[in-house]
């Protein structure tokens, strides 16, 4: 888990030390594609759901927790929100995830939950954590 924590901390630092003023946050490449601002909003949503998964896996197992990513981005109107507010929420949620990971009960790292919308697809906390970081890094590459 230490490696995953370091990867997340590095990803947070990389974005927040980038010249954020040079990024065109509002540009949408197509009407049905997300702007960079909406991508960060999506990462906020991902952080919220995954934080719940990590917390619940400390005392529960085999539960299902999913979300409708497109609908969440639309309903929260990230496109109309100040990017600094979105970035601050993203930063704080990810620091909270790191706090949870740093203090994770070792005997619960193999606890599983289902993150699939269709068939059952159980994954361990360790797998979910690495997948979370990989997903975050994928989307950050779309931002800068």
N, C-alpha and C. Protein backbone atom coordinates (compact mmCIF):
# COMPACT_ATOMS: atom_id res chain seq x y z
N UNK A 1 0.82 -1.19 0.00
CA UNK A 1 0.00 0.00 0.00
C UNK A 1 0.88 1.27 0.00
N UNK A 2 2.08 1.18 0.55
CA UNK A 2 2.96 2.35 0.59
C UNK A 2 3.26 2.88 -0.80
N UNK A 3 3.48 1.98 -1.74
CA UNK A 3 3.76 2.40 -3.12
C UNK A 3 2.55 3.11 -3.73
N UNK A 4 1.37 2.60 -3.48
CA UNK A 4 0.14 3.20 -4.00
C UNK A 4 -0.08 4.58 -3.38
N UNK A 5 0.19 4.71 -2.09
CA UNK A 5 0.08 6.00 -1.41
C UNK A 5 1.04 7.01 -2.05
N UNK A 6 2.26 6.57 -2.28
CA UNK A 6 3.26 7.46 -2.89
C UNK A 6 2.84 7.88 -4.30
N UNK A 7 2.28 6.95 -5.05
CA UNK A 7 1.81 7.28 -6.40
C UNK A 7 0.70 8.33 -6.37
N UNK A 8 -0.23 8.18 -5.44
CA UNK A 8 -1.32 9.15 -5.33
C UNK A 8 -0.78 10.50 -4.89
N UNK A 9 0.10 10.52 -3.90
CA UNK A 9 0.68 11.78 -3.44
C UNK A 9 1.42 12.48 -4.57
N UNK A 10 2.17 11.72 -5.36
CA UNK A 10 2.89 12.30 -6.50
C UNK A 10 1.93 12.86 -7.54
N UNK A 11 0.84 12.16 -7.81
CA UNK A 11 -0.14 12.63 -8.80
C UNK A 11 -0.79 13.93 -8.34
N UNK A 12 -1.11 14.02 -7.06
CA UNK A 12 -1.69 15.25 -6.51
C UNK A 12 -0.69 16.39 -6.68
N UNK A 13 0.53 16.15 -6.27
CA UNK A 13 1.57 17.17 -6.36
C UNK A 13 1.82 17.59 -7.81
N UNK A 14 1.86 16.64 -8.72
CA UNK A 14 2.11 16.95 -10.13
C UNK A 14 1.06 17.91 -10.68
N UNK A 15 -0.20 17.63 -10.38
CA UNK A 15 -1.25 18.52 -10.90
C UNK A 15 -1.16 19.90 -10.23
N UNK A 16 -1.03 19.91 -8.94
CA UNK A 16 -1.10 21.18 -8.23
C UNK A 16 0.14 22.06 -8.41
N UNK A 17 1.24 21.49 -8.92
CA UNK A 17 2.43 22.29 -9.22
C UNK A 17 2.54 22.62 -10.71
N UNK A 18 1.55 22.22 -11.47
CA UNK A 18 1.48 22.57 -12.89
C UNK A 18 0.98 24.01 -13.00
N UNK A 19 1.30 24.68 -14.09
CA UNK A 19 0.78 26.03 -14.33
C UNK A 19 -0.70 25.92 -14.67
N UNK A 20 -1.54 25.95 -13.64
CA UNK A 20 -2.98 25.74 -13.80
C UNK A 20 -3.63 26.87 -14.58
N UNK A 21 -3.03 28.05 -14.56
CA UNK A 21 -3.58 29.18 -15.30
C UNK A 21 -3.41 29.00 -16.81
N UNK A 22 -2.47 28.19 -17.23
CA UNK A 22 -2.22 27.98 -18.65
C UNK A 22 -3.19 26.96 -19.27
N UNK A 23 -3.98 26.29 -18.45
CA UNK A 23 -4.89 25.26 -18.94
C UNK A 23 -6.24 25.89 -19.29
N UNK A 24 -6.75 25.56 -20.47
CA UNK A 24 -8.09 26.00 -20.87
C UNK A 24 -9.09 25.01 -20.27
N UNK A 25 -9.61 25.33 -19.10
CA UNK A 25 -10.46 24.43 -18.34
C UNK A 25 -11.84 24.26 -18.96
N UNK A 26 -12.31 25.26 -19.70
CA UNK A 26 -13.70 25.25 -20.18
C UNK A 26 -13.90 24.62 -21.56
N UNK A 27 -12.84 24.49 -22.33
CA UNK A 27 -12.97 23.97 -23.69
C UNK A 27 -13.49 22.54 -23.71
N UNK A 28 -14.53 22.32 -24.53
CA UNK A 28 -15.09 20.98 -24.73
C UNK A 28 -14.75 20.55 -26.16
N UNK A 29 -14.04 19.45 -26.34
CA UNK A 29 -13.65 19.02 -27.69
C UNK A 29 -14.85 18.63 -28.56
N UNK A 30 -15.96 18.31 -27.93
CA UNK A 30 -17.20 17.98 -28.64
C UNK A 30 -18.34 18.13 -27.63
N UNK A 31 -19.56 18.33 -28.10
CA UNK A 31 -20.68 18.52 -27.15
C UNK A 31 -20.86 17.35 -26.18
N UNK A 32 -20.51 16.15 -26.61
CA UNK A 32 -20.69 14.97 -25.76
C UNK A 32 -19.40 14.55 -25.04
N UNK A 33 -18.39 15.40 -25.09
CA UNK A 33 -17.12 15.12 -24.41
C UNK A 33 -16.93 16.09 -23.26
N UNK A 34 -16.21 15.67 -22.23
CA UNK A 34 -15.99 16.51 -21.07
C UNK A 34 -14.90 17.53 -21.31
N UNK A 35 -15.07 18.70 -20.71
CA UNK A 35 -14.00 19.69 -20.65
C UNK A 35 -12.98 19.22 -19.60
N UNK A 36 -11.86 19.91 -19.55
CA UNK A 36 -10.87 19.57 -18.51
C UNK A 36 -11.46 19.80 -17.12
N UNK A 37 -12.27 20.82 -16.99
CA UNK A 37 -12.92 21.10 -15.71
C UNK A 37 -13.85 19.94 -15.32
N UNK A 38 -14.58 19.42 -16.29
CA UNK A 38 -15.48 18.29 -16.02
C UNK A 38 -14.71 17.00 -15.72
N UNK A 39 -13.53 16.87 -16.33
CA UNK A 39 -12.68 15.71 -16.03
C UNK A 39 -12.27 15.75 -14.56
N UNK A 40 -11.86 16.91 -14.07
CA UNK A 40 -11.50 17.03 -12.65
C UNK A 40 -12.74 16.78 -11.79
N UNK A 41 -13.90 17.27 -12.23
CA UNK A 41 -15.14 16.98 -11.51
C UNK A 41 -15.41 15.50 -11.44
N UNK A 42 -15.19 14.80 -12.56
CA UNK A 42 -15.34 13.35 -12.57
C UNK A 42 -14.39 12.69 -11.57
N UNK A 43 -13.18 13.22 -11.46
CA UNK A 43 -12.23 12.68 -10.49
C UNK A 43 -12.66 12.96 -9.06
N UNK A 44 -13.37 14.07 -8.84
CA UNK A 44 -13.96 14.33 -7.52
C UNK A 44 -14.99 13.25 -7.22
N UNK A 45 -15.85 12.96 -8.19
CA UNK A 45 -16.88 11.93 -8.01
C UNK A 45 -16.24 10.57 -7.74
N UNK A 46 -15.22 10.26 -8.50
CA UNK A 46 -14.50 8.99 -8.31
C UNK A 46 -13.90 8.91 -6.91
N UNK A 47 -13.34 10.02 -6.45
CA UNK A 47 -12.76 10.05 -5.10
C UNK A 47 -13.83 9.83 -4.04
N UNK A 48 -15.00 10.44 -4.23
CA UNK A 48 -16.08 10.28 -3.26
C UNK A 48 -16.53 8.83 -3.16
N UNK A 49 -16.76 8.20 -4.29
CA UNK A 49 -17.21 6.81 -4.31
C UNK A 49 -16.14 5.89 -3.75
N UNK A 50 -14.91 6.10 -4.19
CA UNK A 50 -13.84 5.20 -3.73
C UNK A 50 -13.52 5.39 -2.26
N UNK A 51 -13.60 6.60 -1.76
CA UNK A 51 -13.41 6.81 -0.33
C UNK A 51 -14.44 6.00 0.45
N UNK A 52 -15.68 5.99 -0.01
CA UNK A 52 -16.71 5.18 0.64
C UNK A 52 -16.37 3.70 0.57
N UNK A 53 -15.87 3.25 -0.58
CA UNK A 53 -15.48 1.84 -0.70
C UNK A 53 -14.40 1.48 0.30
N UNK A 54 -13.37 2.32 0.37
CA UNK A 54 -12.25 2.03 1.28
C UNK A 54 -12.71 2.01 2.73
N UNK A 55 -13.54 2.96 3.11
CA UNK A 55 -14.04 3.00 4.48
C UNK A 55 -14.90 1.78 4.78
N UNK A 56 -15.85 1.50 3.91
CA UNK A 56 -16.76 0.39 4.17
C UNK A 56 -16.02 -0.95 4.21
N UNK A 57 -14.98 -1.09 3.42
CA UNK A 57 -14.23 -2.36 3.41
C UNK A 57 -13.48 -2.60 4.71
N UNK A 58 -13.36 -1.60 5.56
CA UNK A 58 -12.72 -1.84 6.85
C UNK A 58 -13.60 -2.65 7.78
N UNK A 59 -14.91 -2.69 7.51
CA UNK A 59 -15.83 -3.41 8.40
C UNK A 59 -16.89 -4.23 7.66
N UNK A 60 -16.87 -4.21 6.34
CA UNK A 60 -17.92 -4.86 5.56
C UNK A 60 -17.26 -5.50 4.34
N UNK A 61 -17.95 -6.46 3.75
CA UNK A 61 -17.39 -7.12 2.57
C UNK A 61 -18.49 -7.50 1.60
N UNK A 62 -18.10 -7.63 0.34
CA UNK A 62 -18.96 -8.12 -0.74
C UNK A 62 -20.16 -7.21 -1.04
N UNK A 63 -20.08 -5.95 -0.69
CA UNK A 63 -21.15 -5.01 -1.02
C UNK A 63 -20.90 -4.45 -2.42
N UNK A 64 -21.94 -3.89 -3.03
CA UNK A 64 -21.84 -3.27 -4.35
C UNK A 64 -21.96 -1.77 -4.17
N UNK A 65 -21.04 -1.03 -4.81
CA UNK A 65 -21.11 0.43 -4.78
C UNK A 65 -20.63 0.96 -6.13
N UNK A 66 -21.57 1.47 -6.90
CA UNK A 66 -21.28 2.01 -8.22
C UNK A 66 -21.89 3.40 -8.34
N UNK A 67 -21.63 4.04 -9.47
CA UNK A 67 -22.25 5.33 -9.75
C UNK A 67 -22.33 5.54 -11.25
N UNK A 68 -23.19 6.45 -11.66
CA UNK A 68 -23.36 6.79 -13.07
C UNK A 68 -22.53 8.03 -13.35
N UNK A 69 -21.33 7.82 -13.90
CA UNK A 69 -20.37 8.90 -14.02
C UNK A 69 -20.84 10.07 -14.87
N UNK A 70 -21.46 9.82 -15.99
CA UNK A 70 -21.93 10.91 -16.85
C UNK A 70 -23.00 11.73 -16.15
N UNK A 71 -23.94 11.05 -15.53
CA UNK A 71 -25.02 11.74 -14.84
C UNK A 71 -24.49 12.56 -13.66
N UNK A 72 -23.53 12.02 -12.93
CA UNK A 72 -22.98 12.75 -11.78
C UNK A 72 -22.32 14.06 -12.24
N UNK A 73 -21.56 13.99 -13.33
CA UNK A 73 -20.91 15.20 -13.85
C UNK A 73 -21.96 16.22 -14.28
N UNK A 74 -23.01 15.77 -14.94
CA UNK A 74 -24.07 16.69 -15.39
C UNK A 74 -24.79 17.32 -14.21
N UNK A 75 -25.21 16.50 -13.26
CA UNK A 75 -26.02 16.98 -12.13
C UNK A 75 -25.24 17.98 -11.27
N UNK A 76 -23.93 17.81 -11.18
CA UNK A 76 -23.14 18.69 -10.32
C UNK A 76 -22.67 19.96 -11.02
N UNK A 77 -22.94 20.08 -12.32
CA UNK A 77 -22.67 21.32 -13.08
C UNK A 77 -21.22 21.79 -12.93
N UNK A 78 -20.31 20.85 -13.05
CA UNK A 78 -18.90 21.22 -12.94
C UNK A 78 -18.50 22.25 -13.99
N UNK A 79 -19.10 22.19 -15.16
CA UNK A 79 -18.74 23.12 -16.22
C UNK A 79 -19.00 24.56 -15.80
N UNK A 80 -19.96 24.77 -14.91
CA UNK A 80 -20.32 26.13 -14.46
C UNK A 80 -19.72 26.49 -13.11
N UNK A 81 -18.85 25.65 -12.59
CA UNK A 81 -18.26 25.86 -11.26
C UNK A 81 -16.84 26.38 -11.40
N UNK A 82 -16.42 27.21 -10.48
CA UNK A 82 -15.06 27.74 -10.47
C UNK A 82 -14.07 26.58 -10.35
N UNK A 83 -13.09 26.54 -11.24
CA UNK A 83 -12.13 25.44 -11.25
C UNK A 83 -11.35 25.36 -9.94
N UNK A 84 -11.11 26.49 -9.30
CA UNK A 84 -10.36 26.47 -8.04
C UNK A 84 -11.14 25.73 -6.95
N UNK A 85 -12.45 25.85 -6.94
CA UNK A 85 -13.28 25.12 -5.98
C UNK A 85 -13.25 23.62 -6.26
N UNK A 86 -13.32 23.26 -7.53
CA UNK A 86 -13.27 21.85 -7.91
C UNK A 86 -11.92 21.24 -7.53
N UNK A 87 -10.85 21.96 -7.84
CA UNK A 87 -9.51 21.47 -7.50
C UNK A 87 -9.30 21.32 -6.00
N UNK A 88 -9.84 22.26 -5.24
CA UNK A 88 -9.69 22.17 -3.78
C UNK A 88 -10.44 20.97 -3.23
N UNK A 89 -11.64 20.72 -3.72
CA UNK A 89 -12.40 19.55 -3.30
C UNK A 89 -11.67 18.27 -3.68
N UNK A 90 -11.14 18.23 -4.90
CA UNK A 90 -10.37 17.07 -5.37
C UNK A 90 -9.16 16.83 -4.47
N UNK A 91 -8.44 17.90 -4.15
CA UNK A 91 -7.25 17.80 -3.31
C UNK A 91 -7.61 17.26 -1.93
N UNK A 92 -8.63 17.83 -1.32
CA UNK A 92 -9.01 17.42 0.03
C UNK A 92 -9.49 15.97 0.07
N UNK A 93 -10.28 15.57 -0.91
CA UNK A 93 -10.76 14.18 -0.94
C UNK A 93 -9.59 13.21 -1.09
N UNK A 94 -8.64 13.56 -1.92
CA UNK A 94 -7.50 12.66 -2.12
C UNK A 94 -6.59 12.62 -0.90
N UNK A 95 -6.45 13.72 -0.19
CA UNK A 95 -5.68 13.68 1.06
C UNK A 95 -6.40 12.81 2.08
N UNK A 96 -7.73 12.82 2.07
CA UNK A 96 -8.47 11.97 2.99
C UNK A 96 -8.30 10.49 2.62
N UNK A 97 -8.29 10.20 1.33
CA UNK A 97 -8.03 8.82 0.89
C UNK A 97 -6.65 8.37 1.38
N UNK A 98 -5.66 9.23 1.24
CA UNK A 98 -4.32 8.89 1.72
C UNK A 98 -4.33 8.63 3.22
N UNK A 99 -5.04 9.45 3.98
CA UNK A 99 -5.15 9.24 5.43
C UNK A 99 -5.75 7.88 5.74
N UNK A 100 -6.81 7.52 5.04
CA UNK A 100 -7.46 6.22 5.25
C UNK A 100 -6.48 5.10 4.90
N UNK A 101 -5.79 5.22 3.77
CA UNK A 101 -4.85 4.18 3.36
C UNK A 101 -3.70 4.03 4.35
N UNK A 102 -3.17 5.14 4.84
CA UNK A 102 -2.03 5.07 5.77
C UNK A 102 -2.40 4.33 7.05
N UNK A 103 -3.64 4.37 7.42
CA UNK A 103 -4.10 3.77 8.67
C UNK A 103 -4.94 2.52 8.43
N UNK A 104 -4.82 1.93 7.24
CA UNK A 104 -5.69 0.81 6.90
C UNK A 104 -5.34 -0.43 7.70
N UNK A 105 -6.34 -1.10 8.26
CA UNK A 105 -6.06 -2.34 9.00
C UNK A 105 -5.48 -3.40 8.06
N UNK A 106 -4.31 -3.90 8.39
CA UNK A 106 -3.63 -4.86 7.52
C UNK A 106 -4.49 -6.08 7.22
N UNK A 107 -5.28 -6.50 8.19
CA UNK A 107 -6.10 -7.69 7.99
C UNK A 107 -7.32 -7.43 7.10
N UNK A 108 -7.53 -6.16 6.68
CA UNK A 108 -8.68 -5.83 5.82
C UNK A 108 -8.25 -5.49 4.39
N UNK A 109 -6.97 -5.56 4.09
CA UNK A 109 -6.51 -5.23 2.73
C UNK A 109 -7.02 -6.22 1.69
N UNK A 110 -7.39 -7.39 2.12
CA UNK A 110 -7.92 -8.39 1.18
C UNK A 110 -9.45 -8.41 1.18
N UNK A 111 -10.08 -7.53 1.96
CA UNK A 111 -11.55 -7.42 1.92
C UNK A 111 -11.95 -7.02 0.50
N UNK A 112 -13.12 -7.46 0.09
CA UNK A 112 -13.55 -7.22 -1.28
C UNK A 112 -14.88 -6.48 -1.33
N UNK A 113 -15.04 -5.74 -2.43
CA UNK A 113 -16.34 -5.17 -2.76
C UNK A 113 -16.54 -5.26 -4.27
N UNK A 114 -17.77 -5.07 -4.68
CA UNK A 114 -18.17 -5.19 -6.08
C UNK A 114 -18.30 -3.79 -6.66
N UNK A 115 -17.52 -3.50 -7.70
CA UNK A 115 -17.61 -2.19 -8.34
C UNK A 115 -18.16 -2.27 -9.76
N UNK A 116 -18.82 -3.36 -10.09
CA UNK A 116 -19.36 -3.57 -11.43
C UNK A 116 -20.84 -3.23 -11.48
N UNK A 117 -21.26 -2.66 -12.59
CA UNK A 117 -22.68 -2.32 -12.76
C UNK A 117 -23.50 -3.51 -13.24
N UNK A 118 -22.85 -4.51 -13.78
CA UNK A 118 -23.58 -5.66 -14.34
C UNK A 118 -23.33 -6.90 -13.49
N UNK A 119 -22.49 -7.79 -13.96
CA UNK A 119 -22.20 -9.02 -13.23
C UNK A 119 -21.34 -8.73 -12.01
N UNK A 120 -21.37 -9.61 -11.05
CA UNK A 120 -20.57 -9.44 -9.84
C UNK A 120 -19.09 -9.46 -10.21
N UNK A 121 -18.36 -8.48 -9.69
CA UNK A 121 -16.93 -8.35 -9.96
C UNK A 121 -16.26 -7.87 -8.67
N UNK A 122 -15.90 -8.82 -7.83
CA UNK A 122 -15.31 -8.51 -6.53
C UNK A 122 -13.81 -8.22 -6.67
N UNK A 123 -13.37 -7.18 -5.96
CA UNK A 123 -11.96 -6.81 -5.98
C UNK A 123 -11.52 -6.46 -4.56
N UNK A 124 -10.26 -6.76 -4.27
CA UNK A 124 -9.70 -6.45 -2.95
C UNK A 124 -9.44 -4.95 -2.81
N UNK A 125 -9.27 -4.52 -1.58
CA UNK A 125 -8.94 -3.13 -1.29
C UNK A 125 -7.64 -2.75 -2.00
N UNK A 126 -6.65 -3.61 -1.94
CA UNK A 126 -5.37 -3.32 -2.60
C UNK A 126 -5.57 -3.13 -4.10
N UNK A 127 -6.37 -3.98 -4.73
CA UNK A 127 -6.65 -3.85 -6.16
C UNK A 127 -7.40 -2.55 -6.43
N UNK A 128 -8.42 -2.26 -5.63
CA UNK A 128 -9.21 -1.04 -5.81
C UNK A 128 -8.34 0.21 -5.66
N UNK A 129 -7.41 0.18 -4.72
CA UNK A 129 -6.54 1.33 -4.50
C UNK A 129 -5.65 1.58 -5.72
N UNK A 130 -5.03 0.53 -6.23
CA UNK A 130 -4.17 0.69 -7.41
C UNK A 130 -4.99 1.10 -8.63
N UNK A 131 -6.16 0.52 -8.78
CA UNK A 131 -7.05 0.89 -9.89
C UNK A 131 -7.47 2.36 -9.79
N UNK A 132 -7.73 2.81 -8.57
CA UNK A 132 -8.09 4.21 -8.35
C UNK A 132 -6.97 5.13 -8.84
N UNK A 133 -5.74 4.84 -8.45
CA UNK A 133 -4.60 5.66 -8.85
C UNK A 133 -4.40 5.60 -10.36
N UNK A 134 -4.50 4.42 -10.95
CA UNK A 134 -4.34 4.29 -12.41
C UNK A 134 -5.41 5.09 -13.14
N UNK A 135 -6.64 5.02 -12.68
CA UNK A 135 -7.75 5.77 -13.28
C UNK A 135 -7.50 7.27 -13.17
N UNK A 136 -7.07 7.71 -12.00
CA UNK A 136 -6.79 9.12 -11.78
C UNK A 136 -5.68 9.60 -12.72
N UNK A 137 -4.60 8.85 -12.81
CA UNK A 137 -3.48 9.24 -13.67
C UNK A 137 -3.89 9.25 -15.15
N UNK A 138 -4.72 8.31 -15.56
CA UNK A 138 -5.24 8.29 -16.94
C UNK A 138 -5.94 9.60 -17.26
N UNK A 139 -6.83 10.03 -16.37
CA UNK A 139 -7.57 11.25 -16.63
C UNK A 139 -6.70 12.50 -16.48
N UNK A 140 -5.74 12.49 -15.59
CA UNK A 140 -4.86 13.65 -15.48
C UNK A 140 -4.05 13.85 -16.75
N UNK A 141 -3.71 12.77 -17.43
CA UNK A 141 -2.99 12.90 -18.71
C UNK A 141 -3.87 13.60 -19.75
N UNK A 142 -5.19 13.54 -19.60
CA UNK A 142 -6.09 14.25 -20.51
C UNK A 142 -6.16 15.74 -20.18
N UNK A 143 -5.75 16.10 -18.98
CA UNK A 143 -5.85 17.49 -18.54
C UNK A 143 -4.61 18.29 -18.94
N UNK A 144 -3.41 17.70 -18.79
CA UNK A 144 -2.19 18.45 -19.12
C UNK A 144 -1.18 17.62 -19.83
